[in-house]
N, C-alpha and C. Protein backbone atom coordinates (compact mmCIF):
# COMPACT_ATOMS: atom_id res chain seq x y z
N MET A 1 -26.13 9.74 4.46
CA MET A 1 -24.70 9.82 4.20
C MET A 1 -24.11 8.42 4.05
N THR A 2 -23.33 8.22 3.01
CA THR A 2 -22.67 6.94 2.80
C THR A 2 -21.41 6.87 3.65
N ARG A 3 -21.28 5.84 4.44
CA ARG A 3 -20.11 5.67 5.28
C ARG A 3 -19.00 4.98 4.49
N ALA A 4 -17.77 5.35 4.81
CA ALA A 4 -16.62 4.74 4.12
C ALA A 4 -15.45 4.66 5.08
N ALA A 5 -14.64 3.66 4.91
CA ALA A 5 -13.43 3.49 5.72
C ALA A 5 -12.21 3.88 4.89
N GLY A 6 -11.18 4.32 5.58
CA GLY A 6 -9.96 4.71 4.88
C GLY A 6 -8.74 4.54 5.76
N VAL A 7 -7.61 4.96 5.24
CA VAL A 7 -6.35 4.83 5.97
C VAL A 7 -5.50 6.07 5.68
N LEU A 8 -4.78 6.52 6.70
CA LEU A 8 -3.80 7.59 6.53
C LEU A 8 -2.42 6.96 6.44
N LEU A 9 -1.76 7.18 5.32
CA LEU A 9 -0.41 6.62 5.15
C LEU A 9 0.36 7.46 4.14
N HIS A 10 1.43 8.07 4.60
CA HIS A 10 2.30 8.77 3.65
C HIS A 10 3.11 7.73 2.89
N PRO A 11 3.31 7.90 1.57
CA PRO A 11 4.04 6.89 0.81
C PRO A 11 5.43 6.56 1.36
N THR A 12 6.09 7.53 1.99
CA THR A 12 7.43 7.26 2.53
C THR A 12 7.39 6.24 3.66
N SER A 13 6.21 5.99 4.24
CA SER A 13 6.10 5.04 5.35
C SER A 13 6.16 3.59 4.91
N LEU A 14 5.96 3.34 3.64
CA LEU A 14 5.98 1.96 3.15
C LEU A 14 7.40 1.41 3.10
N PRO A 15 7.57 0.12 3.34
CA PRO A 15 8.91 -0.47 3.16
C PRO A 15 9.25 -0.54 1.68
N GLY A 16 10.53 -0.56 1.40
CA GLY A 16 10.95 -0.64 0.00
C GLY A 16 12.43 -0.95 -0.10
N ARG A 17 12.81 -1.41 -1.24
CA ARG A 17 14.20 -1.83 -1.47
C ARG A 17 15.18 -0.66 -1.32
N TYR A 18 14.71 0.54 -1.57
CA TYR A 18 15.62 1.68 -1.62
C TYR A 18 15.56 2.55 -0.36
N GLY A 19 15.12 1.96 0.75
CA GLY A 19 15.22 2.63 2.03
C GLY A 19 14.08 3.56 2.39
N ILE A 20 13.13 3.73 1.48
CA ILE A 20 12.02 4.65 1.71
C ILE A 20 10.88 4.26 0.79
N GLY A 21 9.66 4.42 1.25
CA GLY A 21 8.53 4.18 0.37
C GLY A 21 8.49 5.22 -0.74
N ASP A 22 8.13 4.78 -1.94
CA ASP A 22 8.06 5.71 -3.08
C ASP A 22 6.91 5.30 -3.98
N PHE A 23 6.94 5.76 -5.23
CA PHE A 23 5.86 5.48 -6.16
C PHE A 23 6.05 4.16 -6.90
N GLY A 24 6.80 3.25 -6.32
CA GLY A 24 7.11 1.98 -6.97
C GLY A 24 6.07 0.90 -6.72
N ASP A 25 6.48 -0.35 -6.95
CA ASP A 25 5.56 -1.48 -6.90
C ASP A 25 4.96 -1.69 -5.52
N GLU A 26 5.73 -1.37 -4.46
CA GLU A 26 5.20 -1.56 -3.10
C GLU A 26 3.96 -0.70 -2.86
N LEU A 27 3.96 0.51 -3.40
CA LEU A 27 2.80 1.39 -3.22
C LEU A 27 1.59 0.84 -3.98
N ILE A 28 1.81 0.36 -5.18
CA ILE A 28 0.69 -0.22 -5.95
C ILE A 28 0.13 -1.44 -5.22
N ALA A 29 1.02 -2.26 -4.64
CA ALA A 29 0.57 -3.43 -3.89
C ALA A 29 -0.26 -3.01 -2.67
N PHE A 30 0.17 -1.95 -2.00
CA PHE A 30 -0.60 -1.44 -0.85
C PHE A 30 -1.99 -0.98 -1.29
N LEU A 31 -2.06 -0.24 -2.39
CA LEU A 31 -3.35 0.25 -2.85
C LEU A 31 -4.27 -0.90 -3.28
N ASP A 32 -3.68 -1.94 -3.89
CA ASP A 32 -4.48 -3.11 -4.25
C ASP A 32 -5.03 -3.79 -3.00
N TRP A 33 -4.18 -3.90 -1.96
CA TRP A 33 -4.63 -4.49 -0.70
C TRP A 33 -5.75 -3.66 -0.08
N ALA A 34 -5.56 -2.33 -0.07
CA ALA A 34 -6.56 -1.45 0.54
C ALA A 34 -7.92 -1.62 -0.15
N ARG A 35 -7.90 -1.72 -1.46
CA ARG A 35 -9.16 -1.91 -2.18
C ARG A 35 -9.78 -3.25 -1.83
N SER A 36 -8.96 -4.30 -1.76
CA SER A 36 -9.48 -5.63 -1.44
C SER A 36 -10.04 -5.69 -0.02
N ALA A 37 -9.53 -4.83 0.88
CA ALA A 37 -10.00 -4.79 2.26
C ALA A 37 -11.23 -3.90 2.43
N GLY A 38 -11.69 -3.30 1.35
CA GLY A 38 -12.87 -2.46 1.40
C GLY A 38 -12.61 -1.02 1.76
N LEU A 39 -11.35 -0.61 1.78
CA LEU A 39 -11.03 0.78 2.08
C LEU A 39 -11.24 1.63 0.83
N ARG A 40 -11.88 2.79 1.02
CA ARG A 40 -12.21 3.64 -0.13
C ARG A 40 -11.51 4.99 -0.10
N ILE A 41 -10.86 5.32 1.01
CA ILE A 41 -10.22 6.63 1.15
C ILE A 41 -8.76 6.44 1.53
N TRP A 42 -7.89 7.16 0.86
CA TRP A 42 -6.46 7.16 1.19
C TRP A 42 -6.05 8.59 1.47
N GLN A 43 -5.74 8.88 2.73
CA GLN A 43 -5.22 10.20 3.09
C GLN A 43 -3.70 10.14 3.02
N ILE A 44 -3.12 11.00 2.20
CA ILE A 44 -1.70 10.81 1.87
C ILE A 44 -0.76 11.76 2.59
N LEU A 45 -1.25 12.91 3.08
CA LEU A 45 -0.40 13.98 3.61
C LEU A 45 0.33 14.65 2.44
N PRO A 46 0.90 15.83 2.65
CA PRO A 46 1.57 16.54 1.54
C PRO A 46 2.72 15.73 0.93
N LEU A 47 2.86 15.86 -0.38
CA LEU A 47 3.91 15.15 -1.13
C LEU A 47 4.98 16.11 -1.64
N ASN A 48 5.05 17.29 -1.04
CA ASN A 48 5.97 18.33 -1.50
C ASN A 48 7.36 18.14 -0.88
N PRO A 49 8.37 18.87 -1.37
CA PRO A 49 9.74 18.71 -0.85
C PRO A 49 9.81 19.13 0.62
N PRO A 50 10.15 18.21 1.53
CA PRO A 50 10.15 18.55 2.95
C PRO A 50 11.35 19.40 3.33
N GLY A 51 11.17 20.19 4.36
CA GLY A 51 12.26 21.01 4.87
C GLY A 51 12.89 20.37 6.09
N TYR A 52 13.14 21.18 7.10
CA TYR A 52 13.81 20.71 8.31
C TYR A 52 13.05 19.56 8.95
N GLY A 53 13.77 18.49 9.30
CA GLY A 53 13.16 17.35 9.96
C GLY A 53 12.43 16.40 9.04
N ASN A 54 12.44 16.66 7.74
CA ASN A 54 11.79 15.80 6.75
C ASN A 54 10.29 15.64 6.99
N SER A 55 9.68 16.64 7.61
CA SER A 55 8.25 16.58 7.86
C SER A 55 7.47 16.97 6.61
N PRO A 56 6.42 16.21 6.27
CA PRO A 56 5.60 16.59 5.11
C PRO A 56 4.83 17.89 5.33
N TYR A 57 4.80 18.36 6.58
CA TYR A 57 4.08 19.61 6.87
C TYR A 57 4.99 20.83 6.87
N GLY A 58 6.28 20.64 6.63
CA GLY A 58 7.21 21.77 6.56
C GLY A 58 7.90 21.78 5.21
N CYS A 59 7.16 22.15 4.17
CA CYS A 59 7.65 21.98 2.80
C CYS A 59 8.26 23.27 2.24
N HIS A 60 9.15 23.09 1.27
CA HIS A 60 9.78 24.21 0.59
C HIS A 60 8.90 24.79 -0.51
N SER A 61 7.89 24.05 -0.94
CA SER A 61 7.05 24.51 -2.05
C SER A 61 5.67 23.90 -1.91
N SER A 62 4.66 24.65 -2.31
CA SER A 62 3.31 24.09 -2.35
C SER A 62 2.99 23.48 -3.71
N TYR A 63 3.91 23.60 -4.66
CA TYR A 63 3.71 23.09 -6.01
C TYR A 63 4.61 21.89 -6.33
N ALA A 64 5.88 21.99 -6.01
CA ALA A 64 6.85 20.97 -6.41
C ALA A 64 6.63 19.68 -5.64
N GLY A 65 7.13 18.57 -6.21
CA GLY A 65 7.02 17.27 -5.58
C GLY A 65 8.32 16.83 -4.94
N ASN A 66 8.21 15.92 -3.99
CA ASN A 66 9.35 15.38 -3.25
C ASN A 66 10.11 14.38 -4.11
N ALA A 67 11.34 14.70 -4.45
CA ALA A 67 12.14 13.86 -5.34
C ALA A 67 12.38 12.46 -4.77
N LEU A 68 12.37 12.31 -3.44
CA LEU A 68 12.63 11.00 -2.84
C LEU A 68 11.50 10.02 -3.11
N LEU A 69 10.35 10.51 -3.58
CA LEU A 69 9.24 9.62 -3.92
C LEU A 69 9.35 9.04 -5.32
N ILE A 70 10.29 9.50 -6.10
CA ILE A 70 10.48 8.97 -7.46
C ILE A 70 11.03 7.56 -7.37
N SER A 71 10.41 6.64 -8.07
CA SER A 71 10.76 5.23 -7.99
C SER A 71 11.87 4.86 -8.97
N PRO A 72 13.01 4.35 -8.48
CA PRO A 72 14.03 3.84 -9.39
C PRO A 72 13.52 2.68 -10.25
N GLN A 73 12.60 1.88 -9.70
CA GLN A 73 12.03 0.78 -10.49
C GLN A 73 11.44 1.29 -11.80
N HIS A 74 10.67 2.36 -11.70
CA HIS A 74 10.01 2.89 -12.89
C HIS A 74 10.99 3.61 -13.81
N LEU A 75 12.01 4.22 -13.23
CA LEU A 75 13.04 4.84 -14.08
C LEU A 75 13.72 3.78 -14.93
N LEU A 76 13.98 2.62 -14.34
CA LEU A 76 14.60 1.52 -15.09
C LEU A 76 13.64 1.01 -16.17
N LYS A 77 12.38 0.83 -15.81
CA LYS A 77 11.39 0.33 -16.77
C LYS A 77 11.21 1.29 -17.95
N ASP A 78 11.31 2.59 -17.67
CA ASP A 78 11.12 3.60 -18.70
C ASP A 78 12.39 3.91 -19.48
N GLY A 79 13.47 3.20 -19.18
CA GLY A 79 14.72 3.44 -19.89
C GLY A 79 15.41 4.74 -19.51
N LEU A 80 15.08 5.26 -18.32
CA LEU A 80 15.67 6.52 -17.88
C LEU A 80 16.85 6.32 -16.92
N LEU A 81 17.19 5.07 -16.66
CA LEU A 81 18.40 4.75 -15.91
C LEU A 81 19.15 3.68 -16.68
N PRO A 82 20.47 3.72 -16.66
CA PRO A 82 21.22 2.63 -17.28
C PRO A 82 20.89 1.30 -16.60
N GLU A 83 20.90 0.23 -17.37
CA GLU A 83 20.63 -1.09 -16.80
C GLU A 83 21.60 -1.37 -15.66
N HIS A 84 21.08 -1.93 -14.58
CA HIS A 84 21.85 -2.30 -13.38
C HIS A 84 22.30 -1.09 -12.56
N ALA A 85 21.82 0.11 -12.87
CA ALA A 85 22.26 1.30 -12.14
C ALA A 85 21.92 1.22 -10.65
N ALA A 86 20.82 0.55 -10.32
CA ALA A 86 20.39 0.49 -8.92
C ALA A 86 20.68 -0.85 -8.27
N ASP A 87 21.48 -1.70 -8.94
CA ASP A 87 21.72 -3.04 -8.42
C ASP A 87 22.46 -3.04 -7.09
N GLU A 88 23.35 -2.09 -6.90
CA GLU A 88 24.18 -2.08 -5.70
C GLU A 88 23.64 -1.11 -4.65
N ALA A 89 22.35 -1.15 -4.44
CA ALA A 89 21.75 -0.31 -3.40
C ALA A 89 22.25 -0.74 -2.04
N PRO A 90 22.54 0.20 -1.15
CA PRO A 90 22.95 -0.17 0.21
C PRO A 90 21.84 -0.97 0.90
N THR A 91 22.19 -1.62 1.98
CA THR A 91 21.20 -2.31 2.80
C THR A 91 20.58 -1.30 3.76
N PHE A 92 19.29 -1.10 3.63
CA PHE A 92 18.58 -0.14 4.48
C PHE A 92 17.71 -0.89 5.48
N ALA A 93 17.37 -0.23 6.58
CA ALA A 93 16.48 -0.81 7.58
C ALA A 93 15.09 -1.01 7.00
N ASP A 94 14.39 -2.04 7.48
CA ASP A 94 13.04 -2.33 7.01
C ASP A 94 11.97 -1.54 7.75
N ASP A 95 12.29 -1.05 8.95
CA ASP A 95 11.25 -0.49 9.81
C ASP A 95 11.39 1.01 10.06
N SER A 96 12.31 1.66 9.37
CA SER A 96 12.48 3.11 9.56
C SER A 96 13.19 3.67 8.33
N VAL A 97 13.15 5.00 8.20
CA VAL A 97 13.82 5.67 7.08
C VAL A 97 15.01 6.45 7.62
N ASP A 98 16.19 6.13 7.13
CA ASP A 98 17.40 6.88 7.49
C ASP A 98 17.63 7.90 6.38
N PHE A 99 17.04 9.08 6.55
CA PHE A 99 17.10 10.08 5.48
C PHE A 99 18.53 10.50 5.14
N ASP A 100 19.42 10.45 6.12
CA ASP A 100 20.81 10.86 5.86
C ASP A 100 21.51 9.89 4.92
N ARG A 101 21.03 8.66 4.82
CA ARG A 101 21.60 7.68 3.89
C ARG A 101 20.77 7.58 2.62
N VAL A 102 19.46 7.64 2.78
CA VAL A 102 18.57 7.47 1.63
C VAL A 102 18.72 8.63 0.64
N ALA A 103 18.73 9.85 1.15
CA ALA A 103 18.74 11.02 0.26
C ALA A 103 19.95 11.04 -0.67
N PRO A 104 21.19 10.87 -0.18
CA PRO A 104 22.33 10.86 -1.11
C PRO A 104 22.24 9.74 -2.15
N PHE A 105 21.78 8.56 -1.72
CA PHE A 105 21.67 7.44 -2.65
C PHE A 105 20.67 7.75 -3.76
N LYS A 106 19.50 8.25 -3.38
CA LYS A 106 18.48 8.50 -4.40
C LYS A 106 18.84 9.68 -5.29
N TRP A 107 19.42 10.74 -4.72
CA TRP A 107 19.82 11.87 -5.56
C TRP A 107 20.90 11.46 -6.55
N ASN A 108 21.77 10.55 -6.14
CA ASN A 108 22.79 10.05 -7.08
C ASN A 108 22.12 9.32 -8.25
N LEU A 109 21.11 8.51 -7.96
CA LEU A 109 20.38 7.83 -9.04
C LEU A 109 19.69 8.83 -9.96
N LEU A 110 19.12 9.87 -9.38
CA LEU A 110 18.42 10.86 -10.19
C LEU A 110 19.38 11.62 -11.09
N ARG A 111 20.57 11.88 -10.60
CA ARG A 111 21.57 12.55 -11.45
C ARG A 111 22.06 11.61 -12.55
N GLN A 112 22.15 10.31 -12.24
CA GLN A 112 22.45 9.35 -13.29
C GLN A 112 21.36 9.35 -14.36
N ALA A 113 20.11 9.42 -13.91
CA ALA A 113 18.99 9.45 -14.86
C ALA A 113 19.07 10.69 -15.75
N TRP A 114 19.45 11.82 -15.18
CA TRP A 114 19.58 13.06 -15.95
C TRP A 114 20.69 12.93 -17.00
N ARG A 115 21.82 12.37 -16.60
CA ARG A 115 22.91 12.18 -17.57
C ARG A 115 22.49 11.21 -18.67
N HIS A 116 21.78 10.15 -18.29
CA HIS A 116 21.32 9.17 -19.27
C HIS A 116 20.31 9.81 -20.23
N PHE A 117 19.43 10.62 -19.69
CA PHE A 117 18.44 11.34 -20.49
C PHE A 117 19.13 12.22 -21.53
N ASN A 118 20.16 12.93 -21.11
CA ASN A 118 20.88 13.82 -22.02
C ASN A 118 21.70 13.06 -23.05
N SER A 119 22.26 11.93 -22.65
CA SER A 119 23.13 11.19 -23.57
C SER A 119 22.33 10.50 -24.68
N ARG A 120 21.09 10.13 -24.39
CA ARG A 120 20.29 9.41 -25.37
C ARG A 120 19.64 10.34 -26.39
N ARG A 121 19.37 11.57 -25.99
CA ARG A 121 18.84 12.58 -26.90
C ARG A 121 17.57 12.13 -27.63
N ARG A 122 16.67 11.50 -26.90
CA ARG A 122 15.41 11.07 -27.51
C ARG A 122 14.48 12.26 -27.68
N ALA A 123 14.00 12.46 -28.89
CA ALA A 123 13.17 13.63 -29.18
C ALA A 123 11.87 13.61 -28.39
N ASP A 124 11.27 12.42 -28.21
CA ASP A 124 9.99 12.36 -27.49
C ASP A 124 10.16 12.77 -26.03
N HIS A 125 11.28 12.36 -25.41
CA HIS A 125 11.52 12.75 -24.02
C HIS A 125 11.75 14.26 -23.91
N ARG A 126 12.48 14.81 -24.86
CA ARG A 126 12.77 16.24 -24.81
C ARG A 126 11.50 17.06 -25.02
N HIS A 127 10.66 16.62 -25.94
CA HIS A 127 9.39 17.33 -26.17
C HIS A 127 8.49 17.24 -24.95
N GLU A 128 8.53 16.10 -24.27
CA GLU A 128 7.74 15.94 -23.06
C GLU A 128 8.19 16.93 -21.99
N LEU A 129 9.49 17.10 -21.82
CA LEU A 129 10.01 18.06 -20.84
C LEU A 129 9.65 19.48 -21.24
N GLU A 130 9.73 19.79 -22.51
CA GLU A 130 9.37 21.13 -22.98
C GLU A 130 7.89 21.43 -22.71
N ARG A 131 7.02 20.46 -22.94
CA ARG A 131 5.59 20.65 -22.67
C ARG A 131 5.35 20.85 -21.18
N PHE A 132 6.05 20.08 -20.38
CA PHE A 132 5.90 20.20 -18.93
C PHE A 132 6.31 21.59 -18.45
N GLU A 133 7.41 22.09 -18.99
CA GLU A 133 7.86 23.44 -18.63
C GLU A 133 6.81 24.48 -19.03
N ALA A 134 6.26 24.34 -20.22
CA ALA A 134 5.29 25.33 -20.71
C ALA A 134 3.98 25.30 -19.92
N ASP A 135 3.63 24.13 -19.39
CA ASP A 135 2.34 23.97 -18.71
C ASP A 135 2.38 24.30 -17.22
N ASN A 136 3.57 24.53 -16.66
CA ASN A 136 3.69 24.74 -15.22
C ASN A 136 4.44 26.04 -14.94
N LEU A 137 3.68 27.10 -14.71
CA LEU A 137 4.27 28.42 -14.57
C LEU A 137 5.12 28.57 -13.31
N TRP A 138 4.91 27.71 -12.33
CA TRP A 138 5.69 27.76 -11.09
C TRP A 138 7.09 27.17 -11.24
N LEU A 139 7.32 26.43 -12.33
CA LEU A 139 8.51 25.60 -12.44
C LEU A 139 9.81 26.40 -12.49
N ASP A 140 9.82 27.51 -13.22
CA ASP A 140 11.05 28.31 -13.32
C ASP A 140 11.52 28.79 -11.95
N ASP A 141 10.59 29.33 -11.17
CA ASP A 141 10.97 29.83 -9.84
C ASP A 141 11.43 28.70 -8.93
N TRP A 142 10.72 27.58 -8.98
CA TRP A 142 11.12 26.46 -8.13
C TRP A 142 12.51 25.94 -8.50
N ALA A 143 12.75 25.75 -9.78
CA ALA A 143 14.03 25.19 -10.22
C ALA A 143 15.18 26.12 -9.85
N LEU A 144 14.97 27.42 -9.97
CA LEU A 144 16.01 28.37 -9.56
C LEU A 144 16.24 28.29 -8.06
N TYR A 145 15.16 28.28 -7.28
CA TYR A 145 15.28 28.19 -5.83
C TYR A 145 16.01 26.92 -5.42
N ALA A 146 15.60 25.78 -5.97
CA ALA A 146 16.22 24.50 -5.61
C ALA A 146 17.70 24.48 -5.99
N SER A 147 18.04 25.08 -7.12
CA SER A 147 19.44 25.13 -7.56
C SER A 147 20.27 26.01 -6.65
N LEU A 148 19.73 27.15 -6.27
CA LEU A 148 20.45 28.04 -5.35
C LEU A 148 20.60 27.39 -3.98
N LYS A 149 19.60 26.67 -3.54
CA LYS A 149 19.69 25.99 -2.24
C LYS A 149 20.75 24.90 -2.29
N GLU A 150 20.82 24.18 -3.39
CA GLU A 150 21.87 23.16 -3.57
C GLU A 150 23.24 23.81 -3.56
N GLN A 151 23.39 24.90 -4.29
CA GLN A 151 24.67 25.61 -4.37
C GLN A 151 25.10 26.13 -3.00
N SER A 152 24.14 26.53 -2.18
CA SER A 152 24.46 27.13 -0.89
C SER A 152 24.64 26.10 0.22
N GLY A 153 24.58 24.82 -0.13
CA GLY A 153 24.74 23.78 0.88
C GLY A 153 23.51 23.55 1.73
N GLY A 154 22.36 24.01 1.26
CA GLY A 154 21.11 23.75 1.95
C GLY A 154 20.73 24.76 3.02
N VAL A 155 21.49 25.85 3.15
CA VAL A 155 21.15 26.83 4.19
C VAL A 155 19.87 27.56 3.81
N PRO A 156 19.14 28.11 4.78
CA PRO A 156 17.91 28.85 4.48
C PRO A 156 18.16 30.03 3.54
N TRP A 157 17.16 30.37 2.74
CA TRP A 157 17.33 31.46 1.77
C TRP A 157 17.65 32.77 2.47
N SER A 158 17.20 32.92 3.72
CA SER A 158 17.47 34.16 4.45
C SER A 158 18.95 34.35 4.76
N GLU A 159 19.74 33.28 4.59
CA GLU A 159 21.18 33.36 4.80
C GLU A 159 21.96 33.45 3.49
N TRP A 160 21.26 33.52 2.37
CA TRP A 160 21.93 33.69 1.08
C TRP A 160 22.44 35.13 0.96
N PRO A 161 23.31 35.39 0.00
CA PRO A 161 23.70 36.78 -0.26
C PRO A 161 22.45 37.64 -0.47
N PRO A 162 22.41 38.83 0.09
CA PRO A 162 21.20 39.66 0.04
C PRO A 162 20.65 39.89 -1.37
N ASP A 163 21.54 40.03 -2.35
CA ASP A 163 21.03 40.31 -3.70
C ASP A 163 20.24 39.12 -4.26
N LEU A 164 20.60 37.89 -3.83
CA LEU A 164 19.83 36.72 -4.25
C LEU A 164 18.60 36.53 -3.36
N ALA A 165 18.78 36.72 -2.07
CA ALA A 165 17.65 36.55 -1.15
C ALA A 165 16.50 37.48 -1.49
N PHE A 166 16.83 38.68 -1.97
CA PHE A 166 15.79 39.66 -2.29
C PHE A 166 15.57 39.80 -3.80
N ARG A 167 16.08 38.82 -4.54
CA ARG A 167 15.81 38.69 -5.98
C ARG A 167 16.13 39.95 -6.77
N GLU A 168 17.33 40.48 -6.54
CA GLU A 168 17.78 41.59 -7.38
C GLU A 168 17.90 41.08 -8.82
N PRO A 169 17.31 41.76 -9.80
CA PRO A 169 17.26 41.24 -11.17
C PRO A 169 18.62 40.85 -11.74
N SER A 170 19.65 41.65 -11.51
CA SER A 170 20.96 41.32 -12.07
C SER A 170 21.53 40.06 -11.42
N ALA A 171 21.31 39.90 -10.12
CA ALA A 171 21.81 38.71 -9.42
C ALA A 171 21.06 37.46 -9.87
N VAL A 172 19.75 37.59 -10.06
CA VAL A 172 18.95 36.46 -10.52
C VAL A 172 19.36 36.05 -11.93
N ALA A 173 19.57 37.03 -12.81
CA ALA A 173 19.98 36.73 -14.19
C ALA A 173 21.33 36.03 -14.20
N LYS A 174 22.25 36.48 -13.37
CA LYS A 174 23.57 35.85 -13.30
C LYS A 174 23.46 34.42 -12.79
N ALA A 175 22.64 34.21 -11.75
CA ALA A 175 22.47 32.86 -11.20
C ALA A 175 21.87 31.92 -12.24
N LYS A 176 20.93 32.42 -13.02
CA LYS A 176 20.32 31.58 -14.06
C LYS A 176 21.35 31.15 -15.10
N ARG A 177 22.26 32.04 -15.44
CA ARG A 177 23.30 31.68 -16.40
C ARG A 177 24.26 30.66 -15.81
N GLU A 178 24.70 30.91 -14.59
CA GLU A 178 25.73 30.06 -13.98
C GLU A 178 25.18 28.70 -13.56
N LEU A 179 23.90 28.63 -13.26
CA LEU A 179 23.29 27.39 -12.76
C LEU A 179 22.38 26.73 -13.79
N ASP A 180 22.58 27.05 -15.05
CA ASP A 180 21.68 26.57 -16.10
C ASP A 180 21.53 25.05 -16.09
N GLU A 181 22.62 24.32 -15.96
CA GLU A 181 22.56 22.85 -15.97
C GLU A 181 21.77 22.33 -14.78
N GLU A 182 22.04 22.86 -13.59
CA GLU A 182 21.33 22.42 -12.39
C GLU A 182 19.85 22.79 -12.47
N ILE A 183 19.54 23.94 -13.01
CA ILE A 183 18.14 24.36 -13.16
C ILE A 183 17.39 23.39 -14.08
N ARG A 184 18.01 23.01 -15.18
CA ARG A 184 17.36 22.07 -16.09
C ARG A 184 17.19 20.70 -15.42
N PHE A 185 18.16 20.30 -14.62
CA PHE A 185 18.05 19.05 -13.86
C PHE A 185 16.87 19.09 -12.90
N GLN A 186 16.72 20.20 -12.18
CA GLN A 186 15.62 20.31 -11.23
C GLN A 186 14.26 20.26 -11.93
N LYS A 187 14.17 20.81 -13.11
CA LYS A 187 12.92 20.72 -13.88
C LYS A 187 12.65 19.27 -14.30
N PHE A 188 13.69 18.59 -14.70
CA PHE A 188 13.58 17.18 -15.08
C PHE A 188 13.06 16.35 -13.91
N ILE A 189 13.56 16.62 -12.71
CA ILE A 189 13.12 15.90 -11.52
C ILE A 189 11.62 16.07 -11.31
N GLN A 190 11.13 17.27 -11.50
CA GLN A 190 9.70 17.51 -11.31
C GLN A 190 8.86 16.79 -12.37
N LEU A 191 9.37 16.72 -13.58
CA LEU A 191 8.68 15.95 -14.62
C LEU A 191 8.56 14.49 -14.19
N LEU A 192 9.65 13.91 -13.70
CA LEU A 192 9.62 12.51 -13.26
C LEU A 192 8.61 12.31 -12.14
N PHE A 193 8.64 13.21 -11.16
CA PHE A 193 7.71 13.09 -10.03
C PHE A 193 6.26 13.08 -10.51
N PHE A 194 5.89 14.05 -11.31
CA PHE A 194 4.48 14.17 -11.69
C PHE A 194 4.05 13.09 -12.67
N LYS A 195 4.96 12.58 -13.47
CA LYS A 195 4.62 11.44 -14.33
C LYS A 195 4.31 10.21 -13.49
N GLN A 196 5.18 9.94 -12.51
CA GLN A 196 4.97 8.75 -11.69
C GLN A 196 3.74 8.90 -10.79
N TRP A 197 3.51 10.08 -10.28
CA TRP A 197 2.33 10.30 -9.44
C TRP A 197 1.05 10.12 -10.27
N ALA A 198 1.07 10.57 -11.51
CA ALA A 198 -0.10 10.38 -12.38
C ALA A 198 -0.37 8.89 -12.60
N THR A 199 0.69 8.10 -12.73
CA THR A 199 0.53 6.66 -12.91
C THR A 199 -0.09 6.03 -11.67
N VAL A 200 0.37 6.44 -10.50
CA VAL A 200 -0.20 5.92 -9.25
C VAL A 200 -1.69 6.25 -9.18
N ARG A 201 -2.06 7.45 -9.53
CA ARG A 201 -3.45 7.89 -9.41
C ARG A 201 -4.38 7.17 -10.39
N GLN A 202 -3.82 6.63 -11.45
CA GLN A 202 -4.63 5.87 -12.39
C GLN A 202 -5.07 4.53 -11.80
């Protein structure tokens, strides 16, 4: 048996300019260091959207990715954020993650990216999103769930109106019509996550 050394580190544990470790340059620097130190295994823990307590082991989905891991650095490099959009980031602690401050800041940037994406109307970006939707059968259900959870203020689905909680067809159809913009935004978020994660894995 070949022996190998490794490290367990969730990406959110890394320090970063935006208050939380993400798929940005700090993660690439860590992986470069790990390789130079002879480490061959990286145990990451789940990268899915966390639930209560922000634990990676209490996730809302086994398919979707955690939006807080999306790197603003890469959004800027890819032209998916307006120039200087992230210049006025709050001052965050270096040794801990304040999720109550980080989450609103990052979600605001992601919504800016969505508006910028729509305003530019680039055909290649739109085709990329369409392909992503077609290739991921879980995406429709996740985007609807995430949109309903946002609309409900984050309460558990068991506290939603019964017709939505139990997926009555007429209620689901109505929600899809009324939340169409938010649903498309949630799909866009997942595209960003999986694009950036693919880059990290390369």
